[in-house]
Amino acid sequence: MDFVPIPTVAGGYSTVLADPPWRFKNRTGKVAPEHKRLGRYETMDLESIKALPVADVCAENAHLYLWVPNAMLPVGLEVMEAWGFRYTSNIVWAKRRKDGGPDGRGVGFYFRNVTELLLFGVRGHLRTLAPGRSQVNMIETRKREHSRKPDEQYALIESCSPGPYLELFARYPQPGWSVWGSEAAEDVVPQGRVFKGYEGGEIAVPEIRPGERLPEATELAIGMVLRDEYESGDTINDIAAIHDYSIARTRKLLKVAGTEFRSRGPAKPPTRAELDAAS
């Protein structure tokens, strides 16, 4: 796999995002995820990834966001250290179905993977920006092409970490980002087929019949969507009306999602008609 040199910027990049083409062997001894029939990308061995001169193009104080499959977590930590960063936290990508439930079509030898980790590392001393201190460490979206990560990551990173920004092994260049990788050029079509059901799109809130019992994971997924609506300013009554849920169901789903309810404010004094009716 041939690459051009990693781009540089005066003072170094303050934030780096990387999605290395990890190589691992499955139980049959075959190299994964390379597969000619599926049109997937070439992979790199661990030592080649660790040897990339990432530290040379970073600022003294910088952030690293490093994608790593669940089975490769120890290897991801090795790479982070080799690039000059110390691990501090992570962001979980929860892959969802259209109805908001876990997308159980993932792979895994021990468990069916419905998550992927975005490791967060720091070089030197650099806190996240103010919005980052209220940002939950989870992205919930639907899957797309093989290995394609959610576009929501860019807005999250830009709100939590300072520029200039560099993406390594980039496949879909973003405005304002420097990019590097064999599929980083705008005229290159990244490899990876889009399979049925993996077209991305918004998570839809499903219809729920009165009295219908839902799995806990589904309740949580729906609740997180409703929570976003509530935190955007909608009232519980608004949300219930939009989705044709009862007030009780709506409040329960919001509660499952850990929603902090707004104060209802002081009670309104009764009207003269109400006072007359009560006397």
C-alpha atoms as a PDB file:
ATOM      1  CA  MET A   1       0.000   0.000   0.000  1.00  0.00           C
ATOM      2  CA  ASP A   2       1.665   3.209  -1.227  1.00  0.00           C
ATOM      3  CA  PHE A   3       0.978   6.613   0.334  1.00  0.00           C
ATOM      4  CA  VAL A   4       2.073  10.181  -0.226  1.00  0.00           C
ATOM      5  CA  PRO A   5       3.627  11.923   2.814  1.00  0.00           C
ATOM      6  CA  ILE A   6       1.248  13.000   5.568  1.00  0.00           C
ATOM      7  CA  PRO A   7       0.440  16.711   5.131  1.00  0.00           C
ATOM      8  CA  THR A   8       1.799  19.238   7.597  1.00  0.00           C
ATOM      9  CA  VAL A   9       0.680  22.596   8.927  1.00  0.00           C
ATOM     10  CA  ALA A  10       2.564  25.313  10.811  1.00  0.00           C
ATOM     11  CA  GLY A  11       2.507  24.537  14.515  1.00  0.00           C
ATOM     12  CA  GLY A  12       1.119  21.038  13.930  1.00  0.00           C
ATOM     13  CA  TYR A  13      -2.403  19.642  13.951  1.00  0.00           C
ATOM     14  CA  SER A  14      -4.328  20.024  17.184  1.00  0.00           C
ATOM     15  CA  THR A  15      -6.822  17.266  16.367  1.00  0.00           C
ATOM     16  CA  VAL A  16      -6.313  14.007  14.471  1.00  0.00           C
ATOM     17  CA  LEU A  17      -8.997  11.509  13.456  1.00  0.00           C
ATOM     18  CA  ALA A  18      -7.847   8.091  12.241  1.00  0.00           C
ATOM     19  CA  ASP A  19      -9.592   4.954  11.012  1.00  0.00           C
ATOM     20  CA  PRO A  20      -6.710   2.558  10.258  1.00  0.00           C
ATOM     21  CA  PRO A  21      -7.249  -0.411   7.925  1.00  0.00           C
ATOM     22  CA  TRP A  22      -6.715  -2.960  10.698  1.00  0.00           C
ATOM     23  CA  ARG A  23      -5.613  -6.471   9.712  1.00  0.00           C
ATOM     24  CA  PHE A  24      -6.647  -9.506  11.685  1.00  0.00           C
ATOM     25  CA  LYS A  25      -7.201 -13.201  11.030  1.00  0.00           C
ATOM     26  CA  ASN A  26     -10.498 -14.947  11.537  1.00  0.00           C
ATOM     27  CA  ARG A  27     -10.974 -18.488  12.800  1.00  0.00           C
ATOM     28  CA  THR A  28     -10.280 -19.973   9.356  1.00  0.00           C
ATOM     29  CA  GLY A  29      -6.910 -18.220   9.199  1.00  0.00           C
ATOM     30  CA  LYS A  30      -8.009 -15.900   6.409  1.00  0.00           C
ATOM     31  CA  VAL A  31      -7.042 -12.250   6.536  1.00  0.00           C
ATOM     32  CA  ALA A  32      -9.992 -10.019   7.332  1.00  0.00           C
ATOM     33  CA  PRO A  33     -11.526  -7.685   6.294  1.00  0.00           C
ATOM     34  CA  GLU A  34      -9.842  -8.081   2.851  1.00  0.00           C
ATOM     35  CA  HIS A  35     -12.213  -9.854   0.467  1.00  0.00           C
ATOM     36  CA  LYS A  36     -12.110  -9.429  -3.307  1.00  0.00           C
ATOM     37  CA  ARG A  37     -15.726 -10.474  -3.793  1.00  0.00           C
ATOM     38  CA  LEU A  38     -16.913  -7.801  -1.367  1.00  0.00           C
ATOM     39  CA  GLY A  39     -14.683  -5.078  -2.821  1.00  0.00           C
ATOM     40  CA  ARG A  40     -13.136  -4.127   0.502  1.00  0.00           C
ATOM     41  CA  TYR A  41     -10.012  -2.068   1.095  1.00  0.00           C
ATOM     42  CA  GLU A  42      -6.424  -3.212   1.578  1.00  0.00           C
ATOM     43  CA  THR A  43      -5.272  -3.620   5.161  1.00  0.00           C
ATOM     44  CA  MET A  44      -2.021  -2.806   6.998  1.00  0.00           C
ATOM     45  CA  ASP A  45      -0.109  -4.788   9.574  1.00  0.00           C
ATOM     46  CA  LEU A  46       0.243  -3.439  13.097  1.00  0.00           C
ATOM     47  CA  GLU A  47       3.901  -2.437  12.888  1.00  0.00           C
ATOM     48  CA  SER A  48       3.291  -0.406   9.720  1.00  0.00           C
ATOM     49  CA  ILE A  49       0.450   1.481  11.387  1.00  0.00           C
ATOM     50  CA  LYS A  50       2.507   2.146  14.520  1.00  0.00           C
ATOM     51  CA  ALA A  51       5.420   3.392  12.405  1.00  0.00           C
ATOM     52  CA  LEU A  52       3.429   6.205  10.787  1.00  0.00           C
ATOM     53  CA  PRO A  53       5.018   9.568  11.763  1.00  0.00           C
ATOM     54  CA  VAL A  54       1.840  10.953  13.297  1.00  0.00           C
ATOM     55  CA  ALA A  55       3.652  12.561  16.227  1.00  0.00           C
ATOM     56  CA  ASP A  56       5.781  14.557  13.776  1.00  0.00           C
ATOM     57  CA  VAL A  57       2.769  16.398  12.326  1.00  0.00           C
ATOM     58  CA  CYS A  58       0.901  17.082  15.603  1.00  0.00           C
ATOM     59  CA  ALA A  59       1.049  20.079  17.913  1.00  0.00           C
ATOM     60  CA  GLU A  60       2.640  19.648  21.332  1.00  0.00           C
ATOM     61  CA  ASN A  61      -0.849  19.668  22.814  1.00  0.00           C
ATOM     62  CA  ALA A  62      -3.291  17.688  20.721  1.00  0.00           C
ATOM     63  CA  HIS A  63      -6.243  15.288  20.641  1.00  0.00           C
ATOM     64  CA  LEU A  64      -6.476  11.937  18.854  1.00  0.00           C
ATOM     65  CA  TYR A  65      -9.706  10.150  17.890  1.00  0.00           C
ATOM     66  CA  LEU A  66      -8.858   6.572  16.898  1.00  0.00           C
ATOM     67  CA  TRP A  67     -11.409   4.065  15.559  1.00  0.00           C
ATOM     68  CA  VAL A  68     -10.817   0.490  16.654  1.00  0.00           C
ATOM     69  CA  PRO A  69     -12.925  -2.698  16.402  1.00  0.00           C
ATOM     70  CA  ASN A  70     -13.912  -4.182  19.757  1.00  0.00           C
ATOM     71  CA  ALA A  71     -11.649  -7.212  19.255  1.00  0.00           C
ATOM     72  CA  MET A  72      -8.657  -4.957  18.522  1.00  0.00           C
ATOM     73  CA  LEU A  73      -8.873  -2.719  21.599  1.00  0.00           C
ATOM     74  CA  PRO A  74      -5.426  -3.680  23.019  1.00  0.00           C
ATOM     75  CA  VAL A  75      -3.875  -3.084  19.585  1.00  0.00           C
ATOM     76  CA  GLY A  76      -5.555   0.309  19.329  1.00  0.00           C
ATOM     77  CA  LEU A  77      -4.037   1.329  22.651  1.00  0.00           C
ATOM     78  CA  GLU A  78      -0.616   0.254  21.341  1.00  0.00           C
ATOM     79  CA  VAL A  79      -1.020   2.451  18.277  1.00  0.00           C
ATOM     80  CA  MET A  80      -2.172   5.394  20.357  1.00  0.00           C
ATOM     81  CA  GLU A  81       0.941   5.134  22.532  1.00  0.00           C
ATOM     82  CA  ALA A  82       3.225   4.702  19.499  1.00  0.00           C
ATOM     83  CA  TRP A  83       1.821   7.915  18.029  1.00  0.00           C
ATOM     84  CA  GLY A  84       2.608   9.828  21.216  1.00  0.00           C
ATOM     85  CA  PHE A  85      -0.833   9.982  22.871  1.00  0.00           C
ATOM     86  CA  ARG A  86      -2.177   8.685  26.172  1.00  0.00           C
ATOM     87  CA  TYR A  87      -5.608   7.119  26.317  1.00  0.00           C
ATOM     88  CA  THR A  88      -8.161   9.022  28.400  1.00  0.00           C
ATOM     89  CA  SER A  89     -11.671   8.035  27.267  1.00  0.00           C
ATOM     90  CA  ASN A  90     -13.774   6.747  24.368  1.00  0.00           C
ATOM     91  CA  ILE A  91     -16.912   7.378  22.364  1.00  0.00           C
ATOM     92  CA  VAL A  92     -19.207   4.449  21.580  1.00  0.00           C
ATOM     93  CA  TRP A  93     -20.876   4.166  18.200  1.00  0.00           C
ATOM     94  CA  ALA A  94     -24.148   2.287  18.780  1.00  0.00           C
ATOM     95  CA  LYS A  95     -25.350   0.938  15.439  1.00  0.00           C
ATOM     96  CA  ARG A  96     -29.126   1.150  15.201  1.00  0.00           C
ATOM     97  CA  ARG A  97     -31.901  -0.253  13.065  1.00  0.00           C
ATOM     98  CA  LYS A  98     -34.421   2.059  11.466  1.00  0.00           C
ATOM     99  CA  ASP A  99     -36.757   1.544  14.413  1.00  0.00           C
ATOM    100  CA  GLY A 100     -34.020   2.536  16.860  1.00  0.00           C
ATOM    101  CA  GLY A 101     -33.246  -0.930  18.203  1.00  0.00           C
ATOM    102  CA  PRO A 102     -29.755  -2.493  18.161  1.00  0.00           C
ATOM    103  CA  ASP A 103     -28.623  -3.554  14.671  1.00  0.00           C
ATOM    104  CA  GLY A 104     -27.829  -7.209  15.335  1.00  0.00           C
ATOM    105  CA  ARG A 105     -26.441  -7.854  11.857  1.00  0.00           C
ATOM    106  CA  GLY A 106     -22.887  -7.211  13.032  1.00  0.00           C
ATOM    107  CA  VAL A 107     -20.201  -9.861  13.306  1.00  0.00           C
ATOM    108  CA  GLY A 108     -18.319 -11.359  16.230  1.00  0.00           C
ATOM    109  CA  PHE A 109     -17.041 -14.729  17.428  1.00  0.00           C
ATOM    110  CA  TYR A 110     -18.219 -14.361  21.032  1.00  0.00           C
ATOM    111  CA  PHE A 111     -20.940 -11.699  20.919  1.00  0.00           C
ATOM    112  CA  ARG A 112     -22.870 -10.067  18.099  1.00  0.00           C
ATOM    113  CA  ASN A 113     -21.214  -6.665  17.857  1.00  0.00           C
ATOM    114  CA  VAL A 114     -23.564  -3.688  17.614  1.00  0.00           C
ATOM    115  CA  THR A 115     -20.993  -1.128  18.774  1.00  0.00           C
ATOM    116  CA  GLU A 116     -17.614   0.210  17.725  1.00  0.00           C
ATOM    117  CA  LEU A 117     -15.153   2.275  19.734  1.00  0.00           C
ATOM    118  CA  LEU A 118     -13.663   5.672  18.976  1.00  0.00           C
ATOM    119  CA  LEU A 119     -10.740   5.940  21.398  1.00  0.00           C
ATOM    120  CA  PHE A 120      -9.849   9.410  22.650  1.00  0.00           C
ATOM    121  CA  GLY A 121      -6.240  10.271  23.490  1.00  0.00           C
ATOM    122  CA  VAL A 122      -4.391  13.395  24.569  1.00  0.00           C
ATOM    123  CA  ARG A 123      -0.877  14.588  23.830  1.00  0.00           C
ATOM    124  CA  GLY A 124       0.523  17.095  26.284  1.00  0.00           C
ATOM    125  CA  HIS A 125      -2.195  18.979  28.131  1.00  0.00           C
ATOM    126  CA  LEU A 126      -5.339  19.914  26.248  1.00  0.00           C
ATOM    127  CA  ARG A 127      -8.865  19.800  27.653  1.00  0.00           C
ATOM    128  CA  THR A 128     -11.885  19.429  25.456  1.00  0.00           C
ATOM    129  CA  LEU A 129     -13.647  22.634  24.473  1.00  0.00           C
ATOM    130  CA  ALA A 130     -16.588  23.805  26.579  1.00  0.00           C
ATOM    131  CA  PRO A 131     -19.259  21.902  24.565  1.00  0.00           C
ATOM    132  CA  GLY A 132     -17.324  18.682  25.094  1.00  0.00           C
ATOM    133  CA  ARG A 133     -17.888  18.779  28.828  1.00  0.00           C
ATOM    134  CA  SER A 134     -21.616  18.239  28.285  1.00  0.00           C
ATOM    135  CA  GLN A 135     -21.258  15.922  25.271  1.00  0.00           C
ATOM    136  CA  VAL A 136     -22.304  12.332  25.985  1.00  0.00           C
ATOM    137  CA  ASN A 137     -19.809   9.741  24.750  1.00  0.00           C
ATOM    138  CA  MET A 138     -22.184   7.985  22.376  1.00  0.00           C
ATOM    139  CA  ILE A 139     -23.181   8.269  18.715  1.00  0.00           C
ATOM    140  CA  GLU A 140     -26.359   6.433  17.689  1.00  0.00           C
ATOM    141  CA  THR A 141     -26.861   6.080  13.935  1.00  0.00           C
ATOM    142  CA  ARG A 142     -27.655   3.531  11.261  1.00  0.00           C
ATOM    143  CA  LYS A 143     -24.911   1.685   9.364  1.00  0.00           C
ATOM    144  CA  ARG A 144     -23.866   2.435   5.787  1.00  0.00           C
ATOM    145  CA  GLU A 145     -21.093   1.037   3.538  1.00  0.00           C
ATOM    146  CA  HIS A 146     -18.619  -1.475   4.914  1.00  0.00           C
ATOM    147  CA  SER A 147     -16.378   0.252   7.476  1.00  0.00           C
ATOM    148  CA  ARG A 148     -17.849   3.720   6.814  1.00  0.00           C
ATOM    149  CA  LYS A 149     -18.085   5.629  10.059  1.00  0.00           C
ATOM    150  CA  PRO A 150     -20.963   7.979  10.931  1.00  0.00           C
ATOM    151  CA  ASP A 151     -20.770  11.475   9.471  1.00  0.00           C
ATOM    152  CA  GLU A 152     -21.999  12.765  12.840  1.00  0.00           C
ATOM    153  CA  GLN A 153     -18.472  12.257  14.155  1.00  0.00           C
ATOM    154  CA  TYR A 154     -17.198  15.407  12.427  1.00  0.00           C
ATOM    155  CA  ALA A 155     -19.593  17.850  14.089  1.00  0.00           C
ATOM    156  CA  LEU A 156     -18.978  16.173  17.436  1.00  0.00           C
ATOM    157  CA  ILE A 157     -15.194  16.395  17.090  1.00  0.00           C
ATOM    158  CA  GLU A 158     -15.250  19.991  15.858  1.00  0.00           C
ATOM    159  CA  SER A 159     -17.373  21.028  18.838  1.00  0.00           C
ATOM    160  CA  CYS A 160     -15.122  19.266  21.350  1.00  0.00           C
ATOM    161  CA  SER A 161     -11.585  19.709  19.974  1.00  0.00           C
ATOM    162  CA  PRO A 162      -9.717  22.634  18.388  1.00  0.00           C
ATOM    163  CA  GLY A 163      -8.356  22.830  14.838  1.00  0.00           C
ATOM    164  CA  PRO A 164      -6.477  22.527  12.648  1.00  0.00           C
ATOM    165  CA  TYR A 165      -7.885  19.084  11.861  1.00  0.00           C
ATOM    166  CA  LEU A 166      -6.285  16.090  10.128  1.00  0.00           C
ATOM    167  CA  GLU A 167      -8.022  12.872   9.093  1.00  0.00           C
ATOM    168  CA  LEU A 168      -5.849   9.820   8.428  1.00  0.00           C
ATOM    169  CA  PHE A 169      -7.140   7.067   6.137  1.00  0.00           C
ATOM    170  CA  ALA A 170      -9.876   9.458   5.076  1.00  0.00           C
ATOM    171  CA  ARG A 171     -12.514   8.221   2.627  1.00  0.00           C
ATOM    172  CA  TYR A 172     -15.004  11.085   2.450  1.00  0.00           C
ATOM    173  CA  PRO A 173     -13.120  14.439   2.735  1.00  0.00           C
ATOM    174  CA  GLN A 174     -14.795  17.069   4.890  1.00  0.00           C
ATOM    175  CA  PRO A 175     -14.632  20.869   4.483  1.00  0.00           C
ATOM    176  CA  GLY A 176     -11.936  22.425   6.656  1.00  0.00           C
ATOM    177  CA  TRP A 177     -10.041  19.149   7.206  1.00  0.00           C
ATOM    178  CA  SER A 178      -6.654  18.070   5.851  1.00  0.00           C
ATOM    179  CA  VAL A 179      -6.831  14.469   4.667  1.00  0.00           C
ATOM    180  CA  TRP A 180      -4.452  11.612   3.977  1.00  0.00           C
ATOM    181  CA  GLY A 181      -4.884   8.065   2.700  1.00  0.00           C
ATOM    182  CA  SER A 182      -5.230   5.963  -0.434  1.00  0.00           C
ATOM    183  CA  GLU A 183      -8.942   6.860  -0.756  1.00  0.00           C
ATOM    184  CA  ALA A 184      -8.723  10.462   0.447  1.00  0.00           C
ATOM    185  CA  ALA A 185      -8.796  12.201  -2.940  1.00  0.00           C
ATOM    186  CA  GLU A 186     -12.160  13.649  -3.937  1.00  0.00           C
ATOM    187  CA  ASP A 187     -12.050  11.884  -7.337  1.00  0.00           C
ATOM    188  CA  VAL A 188     -11.587   8.443  -5.737  1.00  0.00           C
ATOM    189  CA  VAL A 189     -14.677   6.315  -5.096  1.00  0.00           C
ATOM    190  CA  PRO A 190     -14.110   4.462  -1.788  1.00  0.00           C
ATOM    191  CA  GLN A 191     -14.437   0.696  -1.881  1.00  0.00           C
ATOM    192  CA  GLY A 192     -17.280  -1.014  -0.085  1.00  0.00           C
ATOM    193  CA  ARG A 193     -20.716  -2.087  -1.241  1.00  0.00           C
ATOM    194  CA  VAL A 194     -23.940  -0.760   0.230  1.00  0.00           C
ATOM    195  CA  PHE A 195     -26.009  -3.768   1.265  1.00  0.00           C
ATOM    196  CA  LYS A 196     -29.778  -3.775   1.700  1.00  0.00           C
ATOM    197  CA  GLY A 197     -30.710  -2.180   5.006  1.00  0.00           C
ATOM    198  CA  TYR A 198     -27.382  -0.357   5.311  1.00  0.00           C
ATOM    199  CA  GLU A 199     -28.357   2.818   3.488  1.00  0.00           C
ATOM    200  CA  GLY A 200     -28.094   5.009   6.575  1.00  0.00           C
ATOM    201  CA  GLY A 201     -30.784   7.595   7.234  1.00  0.00           C
ATOM    202  CA  GLU A 202     -32.529   8.786  10.344  1.00  0.00           C
ATOM    203  CA  ILE A 203     -33.720   6.504  13.097  1.00  0.00           C
ATOM    204  CA  ALA A 204     -37.504   6.354  12.856  1.00  0.00           C
ATOM    205  CA  VAL A 205     -39.635   6.316  15.965  1.00  0.00           C
ATOM    206  CA  PRO A 206     -42.023   3.350  15.542  1.00  0.00           C
ATOM    207  CA  GLU A 207     -45.724   3.154  16.215  1.00  0.00           C
ATOM    208  CA  ILE A 208     -46.529   1.555  19.565  1.00  0.00           C
ATOM    209  CA  ARG A 209     -49.876  -0.054  20.225  1.00  0.00           C
ATOM    210  CA  PRO A 210     -51.585   0.796  23.537  1.00  0.00           C
ATOM    211  CA  GLY A 211     -50.390  -1.639  26.182  1.00  0.00           C
ATOM    212  CA  GLU A 212     -47.611  -3.024  23.965  1.00  0.00           C
ATOM    213  CA  ARG A 213     -44.538  -4.167  25.903  1.00  0.00           C
ATOM    214  CA  LEU A 214     -41.160  -3.287  24.427  1.00  0.00           C
ATOM    215  CA  PRO A 215     -37.687  -4.779  25.003  1.00  0.00           C
ATOM    216  CA  GLU A 216     -35.532  -2.627  27.267  1.00  0.00           C
ATOM    217  CA  ALA A 217     -33.065  -1.887  24.452  1.00  0.00           C
ATOM    218  CA  THR A 218     -35.862  -0.674  22.191  1.00  0.00           C
ATOM    219  CA  GLU A 219     -37.334   1.502  24.941  1.00  0.00           C
ATOM    220  CA  LEU A 220     -33.936   3.084  25.494  1.00  0.00           C
ATOM    221  CA  ALA A 221     -33.365   3.704  21.777  1.00  0.00           C
ATOM    222  CA  ILE A 222     -36.772   5.350  21.348  1.00  0.00           C
ATOM    223  CA  GLY A 223     -36.321   7.267  24.572  1.00  0.00           C
ATOM    224  CA  MET A 224     -33.029   8.745  23.340  1.00  0.00           C
ATOM    225  CA  VAL A 225     -34.751  10.061  20.208  1.00  0.00           C
ATOM    226  CA  LEU A 226     -37.561  11.572  22.269  1.00  0.00           C
ATOM    227  CA  ARG A 227     -35.023  13.018  24.677  1.00  0.00           C
ATOM    228  CA  ASP A 228     -33.351  14.901  21.803  1.00  0.00           C
ATOM    229  CA  GLU A 229     -36.732  16.353  20.879  1.00  0.00           C
ATOM    230  CA  TYR A 230     -37.462  17.315  24.485  1.00  0.00           C
ATOM    231  CA  GLU A 231     -34.058  18.928  24.959  1.00  0.00           C
ATOM    232  CA  SER A 232     -34.608  20.857  21.718  1.00  0.00           C
ATOM    233  CA  GLY A 233     -37.572  22.566  23.355  1.00  0.00           C
ATOM    234  CA  ASP A 234     -40.591  20.365  22.613  1.00  0.00           C
ATOM    235  CA  THR A 235     -42.929  19.716  25.515  1.00  0.00           C
ATOM    236  CA  ILE A 236     -44.051  16.287  26.621  1.00  0.00           C
ATOM    237  CA  ASN A 237     -47.495  17.063  25.192  1.00  0.00           C
ATOM    238  CA  ASP A 238     -45.918  18.065  21.862  1.00  0.00           C
ATOM    239  CA  ILE A 239     -43.886  14.850  21.664  1.00  0.00           C
ATOM    240  CA  ALA A 240     -46.846  12.673  22.595  1.00  0.00           C
ATOM    241  CA  ALA A 241     -48.978  14.311  19.905  1.00  0.00           C
ATOM    242  CA  ILE A 242     -46.295  14.043  17.204  1.00  0.00           C
ATOM    243  CA  HIS A 243     -45.773  10.316  17.739  1.00  0.00           C
ATOM    244  CA  ASP A 244     -49.312   9.436  18.827  1.00  0.00           C
ATOM    245  CA  TYR A 245     -48.097   8.157  22.205  1.00  0.00           C
ATOM    246  CA  SER A 246     -49.919   8.584  25.484  1.00  0.00           C
ATOM    247  CA  ILE A 247     -48.549  11.148  27.941  1.00  0.00           C
ATOM    248  CA  ALA A 248     -47.716   8.317  30.348  1.00  0.00           C
ATOM    249  CA  ARG A 249     -45.843   6.354  27.666  1.00  0.00           C
ATOM    250  CA  THR A 250     -43.941   9.456  26.587  1.00  0.00           C
ATOM    251  CA  ARG A 251     -42.892  10.293  30.141  1.00  0.00           C
ATOM    252  CA  LYS A 252     -41.796   6.690  30.735  1.00  0.00           C
ATOM    253  CA  LEU A 253     -39.631   6.605  27.589  1.00  0.00           C
ATOM    254  CA  LEU A 254     -38.047   9.949  28.461  1.00  0.00           C
ATOM    255  CA  LYS A 255     -37.348   8.683  31.971  1.00  0.00           C
ATOM    256  CA  VAL A 256     -35.723   5.495  30.627  1.00  0.00           C
ATOM    257  CA  ALA A 257     -33.396   7.699  28.571  1.00  0.00           C
ATOM    258  CA  GLY A 258     -32.324   9.601  31.690  1.00  0.00           C
ATOM    259  CA  THR A 259     -34.028  12.836  30.718  1.00  0.00           C
ATOM    260  CA  GLU A 260     -33.806  15.695  33.199  1.00  0.00           C
ATOM    261  CA  PHE A 261     -37.299  17.148  33.192  1.00  0.00           C
ATOM    262  CA  ARG A 262     -37.797  20.880  33.141  1.00  0.00           C
ATOM    263  CA  SER A 263     -39.514  22.557  36.030  1.00  0.00           C
ATOM    264  CA  ARG A 264     -43.202  23.036  35.383  1.00  0.00           C
ATOM    265  CA  GLY A 265     -43.067  26.453  37.002  1.00  0.00           C
ATOM    266  CA  PRO A 266     -45.522  27.898  39.506  1.00  0.00           C
ATOM    267  CA  ALA A 267     -49.102  26.715  39.294  1.00  0.00           C
ATOM    268  CA  LYS A 268     -51.420  29.068  37.484  1.00  0.00           C
ATOM    269  CA  PRO A 269     -54.089  30.668  39.701  1.00  0.00           C
ATOM    270  CA  PRO A 270     -57.601  29.375  39.006  1.00  0.00           C
ATOM    271  CA  THR A 271     -59.803  31.410  36.721  1.00  0.00           C
ATOM    272  CA  ARG A 272     -62.978  33.101  37.992  1.00  0.00           C
ATOM    273  CA  ALA A 273     -65.068  30.504  36.121  1.00  0.00           C
ATOM    274  CA  GLU A 274     -63.181  27.676  37.864  1.00  0.00           C
ATOM    275  CA  LEU A 275     -63.708  29.339  41.261  1.00  0.00           C
ATOM    276  CA  ASP A 276     -67.403  29.810  40.584  1.00  0.00           C
ATOM    277  CA  ALA A 277     -67.760  26.182  39.469  1.00  0.00           C
ATOM    278  CA  ALA A 278     -66.046  24.951  42.628  1.00  0.00           C
ATOM    279  CA  SER A 279     -68.235  27.001  45.000  1.00  0.00           C
END
